[in-house]
């Protein structure tokens, strides 16, 4: 019988799932915006203000931006945790990423 001692923060599956969910949100938003661009030739200031005057578009734009920031944060954090071993250097990099 093999007894494994599991160490770590145990959030790999939830981070993986969050990465996928935020990627789907961003893909849907990007696709919807691309279709809107294809259907409307003249994208001037008045067209942009009309588009973002709609409350659902504003809400989805906010959801898109939050998904983008969280997706990027999880990705950068995982890369730093995987490849930067000294805890002090890792902490400095995390703080710099948050402040950037």
C-alpha atoms as a PDB file:
ATOM      1  CA  UNK A   1       0.000   0.000   0.000  1.00  0.00           C
ATOM      2  CA  UNK A   2       1.295   3.427  -0.941  1.00  0.00           C
ATOM      3  CA  UNK A   3       0.666   6.325   1.384  1.00  0.00           C
ATOM      4  CA  UNK A   4       1.074   9.661  -0.303  1.00  0.00           C
ATOM      5  CA  UNK A   5       1.500  12.822   1.648  1.00  0.00           C
ATOM      6  CA  UNK A   6      -0.259  15.580  -0.223  1.00  0.00           C
ATOM      7  CA  UNK A   7       1.197  19.025   0.259  1.00  0.00           C
ATOM      8  CA  UNK A   8       0.346  22.367  -1.256  1.00  0.00           C
ATOM      9  CA  UNK A   9      -2.576  24.692  -1.459  1.00  0.00           C
ATOM     10  CA  UNK A  10      -4.965  22.220  -3.187  1.00  0.00           C
ATOM     11  CA  UNK A  11      -6.532  24.708  -5.549  1.00  0.00           C
ATOM     12  CA  UNK A  12      -5.378  23.285  -8.869  1.00  0.00           C
ATOM     13  CA  UNK A  13      -8.770  22.009 -10.026  1.00  0.00           C
ATOM     14  CA  UNK A  14     -10.644  25.172  -9.095  1.00  0.00           C
ATOM     15  CA  UNK A  15      -8.021  27.334 -10.823  1.00  0.00           C
ATOM     16  CA  UNK A  16      -8.213  25.143 -13.909  1.00  0.00           C
ATOM     17  CA  UNK A  17     -12.002  25.463 -13.941  1.00  0.00           C
ATOM     18  CA  UNK A  18     -11.882  29.231 -13.403  1.00  0.00           C
ATOM     19  CA  UNK A  19      -9.412  29.569 -16.295  1.00  0.00           C
ATOM     20  CA  UNK A  20     -11.831  27.702 -18.562  1.00  0.00           C
ATOM     21  CA  UNK A  21     -14.929  29.628 -17.451  1.00  0.00           C
ATOM     22  CA  UNK A  22     -13.241  33.013 -17.862  1.00  0.00           C
ATOM     23  CA  UNK A  23     -11.911  31.924 -21.264  1.00  0.00           C
ATOM     24  CA  UNK A  24     -15.445  31.030 -22.386  1.00  0.00           C
ATOM     25  CA  UNK A  25     -16.787  34.387 -21.157  1.00  0.00           C
ATOM     26  CA  UNK A  26     -14.063  36.222 -23.082  1.00  0.00           C
ATOM     27  CA  UNK A  27     -14.612  34.100 -26.204  1.00  0.00           C
ATOM     28  CA  UNK A  28     -18.351  34.810 -26.181  1.00  0.00           C
ATOM     29  CA  UNK A  29     -17.749  38.532 -25.662  1.00  0.00           C
ATOM     30  CA  UNK A  30     -15.128  38.733 -28.402  1.00  0.00           C
ATOM     31  CA  UNK A  31     -17.324  36.787 -30.814  1.00  0.00           C
ATOM     32  CA  UNK A  32     -20.342  38.983 -30.107  1.00  0.00           C
ATOM     33  CA  UNK A  33     -18.288  42.130 -30.659  1.00  0.00           C
ATOM     34  CA  UNK A  34     -16.842  40.725 -33.895  1.00  0.00           C
ATOM     35  CA  UNK A  35     -20.342  39.938 -35.180  1.00  0.00           C
ATOM     36  CA  UNK A  36     -21.463  43.450 -34.239  1.00  0.00           C
ATOM     37  CA  UNK A  37     -18.533  44.901 -36.204  1.00  0.00           C
ATOM     38  CA  UNK A  38     -19.394  42.766 -39.219  1.00  0.00           C
ATOM     39  CA  UNK A  39     -23.031  43.854 -39.169  1.00  0.00           C
ATOM     40  CA  UNK A  40     -22.313  47.577 -38.729  1.00  0.00           C
ATOM     41  CA  UNK A  41     -19.901  49.148 -41.179  1.00  0.00           C
ATOM     42  CA  UNK A  42     -19.619  52.665 -39.802  1.00  0.00           C
ATOM     43  CA  UNK A  43     -18.336  52.519 -36.222  1.00  0.00           C
ATOM     44  CA  UNK A  44     -18.249  56.141 -35.150  1.00  0.00           C
ATOM     45  CA  UNK A  45     -18.647  57.772 -31.776  1.00  0.00           C
ATOM     46  CA  UNK A  46     -22.433  57.780 -32.007  1.00  0.00           C
ATOM     47  CA  UNK A  47     -22.525  54.031 -32.746  1.00  0.00           C
ATOM     48  CA  UNK A  48     -20.228  53.288 -29.770  1.00  0.00           C
ATOM     49  CA  UNK A  49     -22.305  55.402 -27.395  1.00  0.00           C
ATOM     50  CA  UNK A  50     -25.491  53.734 -28.644  1.00  0.00           C
ATOM     51  CA  UNK A  51     -23.943  50.309 -28.111  1.00  0.00           C
ATOM     52  CA  UNK A  52     -22.817  51.036 -24.555  1.00  0.00           C
ATOM     53  CA  UNK A  53     -26.038  52.854 -23.653  1.00  0.00           C
ATOM     54  CA  UNK A  54     -27.609  49.424 -23.285  1.00  0.00           C
ATOM     55  CA  UNK A  55     -27.447  48.133 -19.704  1.00  0.00           C
ATOM     56  CA  UNK A  56     -26.883  44.460 -20.690  1.00  0.00           C
ATOM     57  CA  UNK A  57     -23.919  45.476 -22.879  1.00  0.00           C
ATOM     58  CA  UNK A  58     -22.431  47.463 -19.998  1.00  0.00           C
ATOM     59  CA  UNK A  59     -22.899  44.543 -17.622  1.00  0.00           C
ATOM     60  CA  UNK A  60     -21.321  42.100 -20.060  1.00  0.00           C
ATOM     61  CA  UNK A  61     -18.424  44.492 -20.703  1.00  0.00           C
ATOM     62  CA  UNK A  62     -17.804  44.623 -16.950  1.00  0.00           C
ATOM     63  CA  UNK A  63     -18.008  40.831 -16.737  1.00  0.00           C
ATOM     64  CA  UNK A  64     -15.583  40.593 -19.669  1.00  0.00           C
ATOM     65  CA  UNK A  65     -13.050  42.901 -18.003  1.00  0.00           C
ATOM     66  CA  UNK A  66     -13.288  41.121 -14.641  1.00  0.00           C
ATOM     67  CA  UNK A  67     -12.868  37.779 -16.413  1.00  0.00           C
ATOM     68  CA  UNK A  68      -9.851  39.109 -18.298  1.00  0.00           C
ATOM     69  CA  UNK A  69      -8.140  40.391 -15.156  1.00  0.00           C
ATOM     70  CA  UNK A  70      -8.862  37.242 -13.140  1.00  0.00           C
ATOM     71  CA  UNK A  71      -7.812  34.975 -16.015  1.00  0.00           C
ATOM     72  CA  UNK A  72      -4.527  36.851 -16.345  1.00  0.00           C
ATOM     73  CA  UNK A  73      -3.945  36.855 -12.583  1.00  0.00           C
ATOM     74  CA  UNK A  74      -4.456  33.102 -12.243  1.00  0.00           C
ATOM     75  CA  UNK A  75      -2.193  32.439 -15.228  1.00  0.00           C
ATOM     76  CA  UNK A  76       0.640  34.675 -14.035  1.00  0.00           C
ATOM     77  CA  UNK A  77       0.327  33.424 -10.459  1.00  0.00           C
ATOM     78  CA  UNK A  78       0.528  29.792 -11.547  1.00  0.00           C
ATOM     79  CA  UNK A  79       3.563  30.450 -13.748  1.00  0.00           C
ATOM     80  CA  UNK A  80       5.340  32.287 -10.929  1.00  0.00           C
ATOM     81  CA  UNK A  81       4.466  29.556  -8.421  1.00  0.00           C
ATOM     82  CA  UNK A  82       5.717  26.836 -10.770  1.00  0.00           C
ATOM     83  CA  UNK A  83       8.979  28.425 -11.879  1.00  0.00           C
ATOM     84  CA  UNK A  84      10.108  30.795  -9.098  1.00  0.00           C
ATOM     85  CA  UNK A  85      11.218  28.764  -6.099  1.00  0.00           C
ATOM     86  CA  UNK A  86      12.546  31.291  -3.504  1.00  0.00           C
ATOM     87  CA  UNK A  87       9.558  32.473  -1.461  1.00  0.00           C
ATOM     88  CA  UNK A  88      10.853  36.033  -1.086  1.00  0.00           C
ATOM     89  CA  UNK A  89      11.358  36.519  -4.813  1.00  0.00           C
ATOM     90  CA  UNK A  90       7.954  34.979  -5.486  1.00  0.00           C
ATOM     91  CA  UNK A  91       6.310  37.403  -3.051  1.00  0.00           C
ATOM     92  CA  UNK A  92       8.028  40.398  -4.666  1.00  0.00           C
ATOM     93  CA  UNK A  93       6.890  39.281  -8.127  1.00  0.00           C
ATOM     94  CA  UNK A  94       3.310  38.803  -6.904  1.00  0.00           C
ATOM     95  CA  UNK A  95       3.273  42.279  -5.364  1.00  0.00           C
ATOM     96  CA  UNK A  96       4.694  43.820  -8.550  1.00  0.00           C
ATOM     97  CA  UNK A  97       2.056  42.075 -10.667  1.00  0.00           C
ATOM     98  CA  UNK A  98      -0.733  43.284  -8.385  1.00  0.00           C
ATOM     99  CA  UNK A  99       0.590  46.846  -8.475  1.00  0.00           C
ATOM    100  CA  UNK A 100       1.071  46.858 -12.249  1.00  0.00           C
END
